[in-house]
Amino acid sequence: MKIWVDADACPRPVKEILFRVADRTEITVTLVTNQGLRIPSSAFIHLIQVGQGADVADDEIAKKCEAGDLIITADIPLAARVVEKGALALDPRGKVYDKNNIGQILSMRNFMDELRGSGVETGGPAGFGQKERFKFANELDKFIAQR
């Protein structure tokens, strides 16, 4: 089991949690990014830097992940792709994407995207704070305990 991180938009507090988890549990955490990123020196933390372009990092994660892996992403289409392969996805805010809910979540995302495309203001996500960090850490702990 590995943890893959869609690292470009992943909040720093979430990355820090993942770095501690990698060393504590000896689970490999691989961050995939379009841009340079500093990571701690660890046998369990890796970085893959991909080229620029839409979905290049997503494509790399979807290609390399396997059933049983955990993917950290807020990108719902990527979450759908990895869930289809038998992996589990976890949003940095602690929302779990699995085979039971991804279809409905993807449909709602597509609907909201259509609204935005037609000029309707739908607003953006709320700020990332202690509550979201705590929820993410709890869901991550649940996943690790089940492995």
C-alpha atoms as a PDB file:
ATOM      1  CA  MET A   1       0.000   0.000   0.000  1.00  0.00           C
ATOM      2  CA  LYS A   2       1.269   3.433  -0.961  1.00  0.00           C
ATOM      3  CA  ILE A   3       0.044   6.978  -0.529  1.00  0.00           C
ATOM      4  CA  TRP A   4       0.062   9.211  -3.621  1.00  0.00           C
ATOM      5  CA  VAL A   5      -0.341  12.973  -3.267  1.00  0.00           C
ATOM      6  CA  ASP A   6      -1.653  15.362  -5.918  1.00  0.00           C
ATOM      7  CA  ALA A   7       0.803  17.847  -4.458  1.00  0.00           C
ATOM      8  CA  ASP A   8       0.357  21.074  -6.432  1.00  0.00           C
ATOM      9  CA  ALA A   9      -2.812  22.148  -4.619  1.00  0.00           C
ATOM     10  CA  CYS A  10      -2.305  20.168  -1.418  1.00  0.00           C
ATOM     11  CA  PRO A  11      -2.175  22.436   1.652  1.00  0.00           C
ATOM     12  CA  ARG A  12       1.127  22.557   3.533  1.00  0.00           C
ATOM     13  CA  PRO A  13      -0.405  21.294   6.831  1.00  0.00           C
ATOM     14  CA  VAL A  14      -1.651  18.173   5.027  1.00  0.00           C
ATOM     15  CA  LYS A  15       1.791  17.533   3.544  1.00  0.00           C
ATOM     16  CA  GLU A  16       3.332  17.901   6.999  1.00  0.00           C
ATOM     17  CA  ILE A  17       0.893  15.339   8.416  1.00  0.00           C
ATOM     18  CA  LEU A  18       1.769  12.961   5.573  1.00  0.00           C
ATOM     19  CA  PHE A  19       5.517  13.401   6.147  1.00  0.00           C
ATOM     20  CA  ARG A  20       5.117  12.426   9.816  1.00  0.00           C
ATOM     21  CA  VAL A  21       2.889   9.466   8.902  1.00  0.00           C
ATOM     22  CA  ALA A  22       5.403   8.183   6.334  1.00  0.00           C
ATOM     23  CA  ASP A  23       8.212   7.985   8.870  1.00  0.00           C
ATOM     24  CA  ARG A  24       6.026   6.713  11.722  1.00  0.00           C
ATOM     25  CA  THR A  25       4.324   3.942   9.722  1.00  0.00           C
ATOM     26  CA  GLU A  26       6.989   3.297   7.066  1.00  0.00           C
ATOM     27  CA  ILE A  27       4.339   3.738   4.360  1.00  0.00           C
ATOM     28  CA  THR A  28       5.707   5.188   1.130  1.00  0.00           C
ATOM     29  CA  VAL A  29       4.328   8.654   0.381  1.00  0.00           C
ATOM     30  CA  THR A  30       4.929   9.925  -3.158  1.00  0.00           C
ATOM     31  CA  LEU A  31       4.170  13.529  -4.038  1.00  0.00           C
ATOM     32  CA  VAL A  32       3.479  14.239  -7.701  1.00  0.00           C
ATOM     33  CA  THR A  33       3.860  17.851  -8.806  1.00  0.00           C
ATOM     34  CA  ASN A  34       4.343  20.103 -11.837  1.00  0.00           C
ATOM     35  CA  GLN A  35       6.667  22.394  -9.908  1.00  0.00           C
ATOM     36  CA  GLY A  36       9.631  22.049  -7.586  1.00  0.00           C
ATOM     37  CA  LEU A  37       8.840  21.119  -4.015  1.00  0.00           C
ATOM     38  CA  ARG A  38      10.996  20.604  -0.954  1.00  0.00           C
ATOM     39  CA  ILE A  39      10.498  17.362   0.881  1.00  0.00           C
ATOM     40  CA  PRO A  40      12.203  16.005   3.981  1.00  0.00           C
ATOM     41  CA  SER A  41      14.972  13.489   3.582  1.00  0.00           C
ATOM     42  CA  SER A  42      13.354  10.115   4.247  1.00  0.00           C
ATOM     43  CA  ALA A  43      13.424   6.637   2.777  1.00  0.00           C
ATOM     44  CA  PHE A  44       9.610   6.758   2.764  1.00  0.00           C
ATOM     45  CA  ILE A  45       8.988  10.133   1.098  1.00  0.00           C
ATOM     46  CA  HIS A  46       9.452  10.541  -2.663  1.00  0.00           C
ATOM     47  CA  LEU A  47       8.853  13.263  -5.226  1.00  0.00           C
ATOM     48  CA  ILE A  48       7.932  12.886  -8.884  1.00  0.00           C
ATOM     49  CA  GLN A  49       8.083  16.115 -10.843  1.00  0.00           C
ATOM     50  CA  VAL A  50       6.153  15.925 -14.102  1.00  0.00           C
ATOM     51  CA  GLY A  51       5.982  18.350 -17.004  1.00  0.00           C
ATOM     52  CA  GLN A  52       3.655  21.320 -17.191  1.00  0.00           C
ATOM     53  CA  GLY A  53       0.150  20.933 -18.548  1.00  0.00           C
ATOM     54  CA  ALA A  54      -3.388  20.199 -17.538  1.00  0.00           C
ATOM     55  CA  ASP A  55      -3.804  16.821 -15.856  1.00  0.00           C
ATOM     56  CA  VAL A  56      -0.167  15.730 -16.319  1.00  0.00           C
ATOM     57  CA  ALA A  57       0.246  15.058 -12.579  1.00  0.00           C
ATOM     58  CA  ASP A  58      -3.209  13.452 -12.430  1.00  0.00           C
ATOM     59  CA  ASP A  59      -2.327  11.149 -15.330  1.00  0.00           C
ATOM     60  CA  GLU A  60       0.895  10.087 -13.587  1.00  0.00           C
ATOM     61  CA  ILE A  61      -0.932   9.256 -10.365  1.00  0.00           C
ATOM     62  CA  ALA A  62      -3.721   7.395 -12.167  1.00  0.00           C
ATOM     63  CA  LYS A  63      -1.156   5.395 -14.152  1.00  0.00           C
ATOM     64  CA  LYS A  64       1.014   4.399 -11.191  1.00  0.00           C
ATOM     65  CA  CYS A  65      -1.473   3.832  -8.372  1.00  0.00           C
ATOM     66  CA  GLU A  66      -2.785   0.367  -7.616  1.00  0.00           C
ATOM     67  CA  ALA A  67      -5.737  -1.184  -5.833  1.00  0.00           C
ATOM     68  CA  GLY A  68      -5.398  -0.594  -2.104  1.00  0.00           C
ATOM     69  CA  ASP A  69      -3.430   2.641  -2.457  1.00  0.00           C
ATOM     70  CA  LEU A  70      -4.588   5.939  -0.992  1.00  0.00           C
ATOM     71  CA  ILE A  71      -4.595   9.044  -3.177  1.00  0.00           C
ATOM     72  CA  ILE A  72      -4.703  12.495  -1.567  1.00  0.00           C
ATOM     73  CA  THR A  73      -6.488  14.861  -3.940  1.00  0.00           C
ATOM     74  CA  ALA A  74      -9.194  17.489  -4.135  1.00  0.00           C
ATOM     75  CA  ASP A  75      -9.572  16.731  -7.862  1.00  0.00           C
ATOM     76  CA  ILE A  76     -12.836  14.803  -8.203  1.00  0.00           C
ATOM     77  CA  PRO A  77     -12.205  13.489 -11.742  1.00  0.00           C
ATOM     78  CA  LEU A  78      -8.844  12.117 -10.556  1.00  0.00           C
ATOM     79  CA  ALA A  79     -10.565  10.596  -7.524  1.00  0.00           C
ATOM     80  CA  ALA A  80     -13.033   8.864  -9.871  1.00  0.00           C
ATOM     81  CA  ARG A  81     -10.191   7.470 -11.978  1.00  0.00           C
ATOM     82  CA  VAL A  82      -8.298   5.989  -9.033  1.00  0.00           C
ATOM     83  CA  VAL A  83     -11.413   4.622  -7.328  1.00  0.00           C
ATOM     84  CA  GLU A  84     -12.172   2.794 -10.589  1.00  0.00           C
ATOM     85  CA  LYS A  85      -8.760   1.093 -10.209  1.00  0.00           C
ATOM     86  CA  GLY A  86      -9.613  -0.045  -6.667  1.00  0.00           C
ATOM     87  CA  ALA A  87      -7.792   2.699  -4.784  1.00  0.00           C
ATOM     88  CA  LEU A  88      -9.315   5.073  -2.251  1.00  0.00           C
ATOM     89  CA  ALA A  89      -9.130   8.855  -2.476  1.00  0.00           C
ATOM     90  CA  LEU A  90      -9.068  11.340   0.389  1.00  0.00           C
ATOM     91  CA  ASP A  91      -9.637  15.058  -0.002  1.00  0.00           C
ATOM     92  CA  PRO A  92      -7.275  17.304   2.025  1.00  0.00           C
ATOM     93  CA  ARG A  93     -10.390  18.415   3.939  1.00  0.00           C
ATOM     94  CA  GLY A  94     -11.083  14.836   5.047  1.00  0.00           C
ATOM     95  CA  LYS A  95     -13.741  13.801   2.511  1.00  0.00           C
ATOM     96  CA  VAL A  96     -13.381  10.137   1.509  1.00  0.00           C
ATOM     97  CA  TYR A  97     -14.086   9.176  -2.093  1.00  0.00           C
ATOM     98  CA  ASP A  98     -14.873   5.507  -2.645  1.00  0.00           C
ATOM     99  CA  LYS A  99     -16.913   3.277  -4.955  1.00  0.00           C
ATOM    100  CA  ASN A 100     -20.076   3.993  -2.924  1.00  0.00           C
ATOM    101  CA  ASN A 101     -20.067   7.776  -3.331  1.00  0.00           C
ATOM    102  CA  ILE A 102     -17.819   8.813  -6.226  1.00  0.00           C
ATOM    103  CA  GLY A 103     -20.513   8.574  -8.906  1.00  0.00           C
ATOM    104  CA  GLN A 104     -22.817  10.999  -7.112  1.00  0.00           C
ATOM    105  CA  ILE A 105     -19.961  13.351  -6.192  1.00  0.00           C
ATOM    106  CA  LEU A 106     -18.677  13.391  -9.781  1.00  0.00           C
ATOM    107  CA  SER A 107     -22.187  14.105 -11.105  1.00  0.00           C
ATOM    108  CA  MET A 108     -22.575  17.041  -8.701  1.00  0.00           C
ATOM    109  CA  ARG A 109     -19.135  18.367  -9.651  1.00  0.00           C
ATOM    110  CA  ASN A 110     -20.027  18.212 -13.344  1.00  0.00           C
ATOM    111  CA  PHE A 111     -23.352  19.959 -12.699  1.00  0.00           C
ATOM    112  CA  MET A 112     -21.638  22.766 -10.782  1.00  0.00           C
ATOM    113  CA  ASP A 113     -19.054  23.057 -13.569  1.00  0.00           C
ATOM    114  CA  GLU A 114     -21.889  23.504 -16.099  1.00  0.00           C
ATOM    115  CA  LEU A 115     -23.421  26.210 -13.906  1.00  0.00           C
ATOM    116  CA  ARG A 116     -20.115  28.066 -13.713  1.00  0.00           C
ATOM    117  CA  GLY A 117     -19.721  27.685 -17.477  1.00  0.00           C
ATOM    118  CA  SER A 118     -23.075  29.366 -18.008  1.00  0.00           C
ATOM    119  CA  GLY A 119     -22.074  32.326 -15.826  1.00  0.00           C
ATOM    120  CA  VAL A 120     -23.660  31.373 -12.506  1.00  0.00           C
ATOM    121  CA  GLU A 121     -21.526  32.333  -9.474  1.00  0.00           C
ATOM    122  CA  THR A 122     -21.199  29.225  -7.324  1.00  0.00           C
ATOM    123  CA  GLY A 123     -18.587  30.477  -4.844  1.00  0.00           C
ATOM    124  CA  GLY A 124     -15.435  28.688  -3.841  1.00  0.00           C
ATOM    125  CA  PRO A 125     -14.374  26.430  -1.007  1.00  0.00           C
ATOM    126  CA  ALA A 126     -14.224  27.726   2.541  1.00  0.00           C
ATOM    127  CA  GLY A 127     -10.831  28.468   4.068  1.00  0.00           C
ATOM    128  CA  PHE A 128      -8.582  25.646   5.227  1.00  0.00           C
ATOM    129  CA  GLY A 129      -8.245  25.666   8.996  1.00  0.00           C
ATOM    130  CA  GLN A 130      -7.787  23.558  12.100  1.00  0.00           C
ATOM    131  CA  LYS A 131     -11.159  21.803  11.671  1.00  0.00           C
ATOM    132  CA  GLU A 132     -10.271  20.598   8.161  1.00  0.00           C
ATOM    133  CA  ARG A 133      -6.788  19.562   9.230  1.00  0.00           C
ATOM    134  CA  PHE A 134      -8.208  17.546  12.134  1.00  0.00           C
ATOM    135  CA  LYS A 135     -10.790  15.815   9.920  1.00  0.00           C
ATOM    136  CA  PHE A 136      -8.107  14.907   7.367  1.00  0.00           C
ATOM    137  CA  ALA A 137      -5.822  13.469  10.069  1.00  0.00           C
ATOM    138  CA  ASN A 138      -8.684  11.402  11.522  1.00  0.00           C
ATOM    139  CA  GLU A 139      -9.648   9.919   8.148  1.00  0.00           C
ATOM    140  CA  LEU A 140      -6.002   9.183   7.356  1.00  0.00           C
ATOM    141  CA  ASP A 141      -5.620   7.394  10.708  1.00  0.00           C
ATOM    142  CA  LYS A 142      -8.724   5.296   9.962  1.00  0.00           C
ATOM    143  CA  PHE A 143      -7.298   4.268   6.601  1.00  0.00           C
ATOM    144  CA  ILE A 144      -3.935   3.316   8.103  1.00  0.00           C
ATOM    145  CA  ALA A 145      -5.583   1.317  10.902  1.00  0.00           C
ATOM    146  CA  GLN A 146      -7.502  -0.746   8.320  1.00  0.00           C
ATOM    147  CA  ARG A 147      -4.483  -1.736   6.260  1.00  0.00           C
END
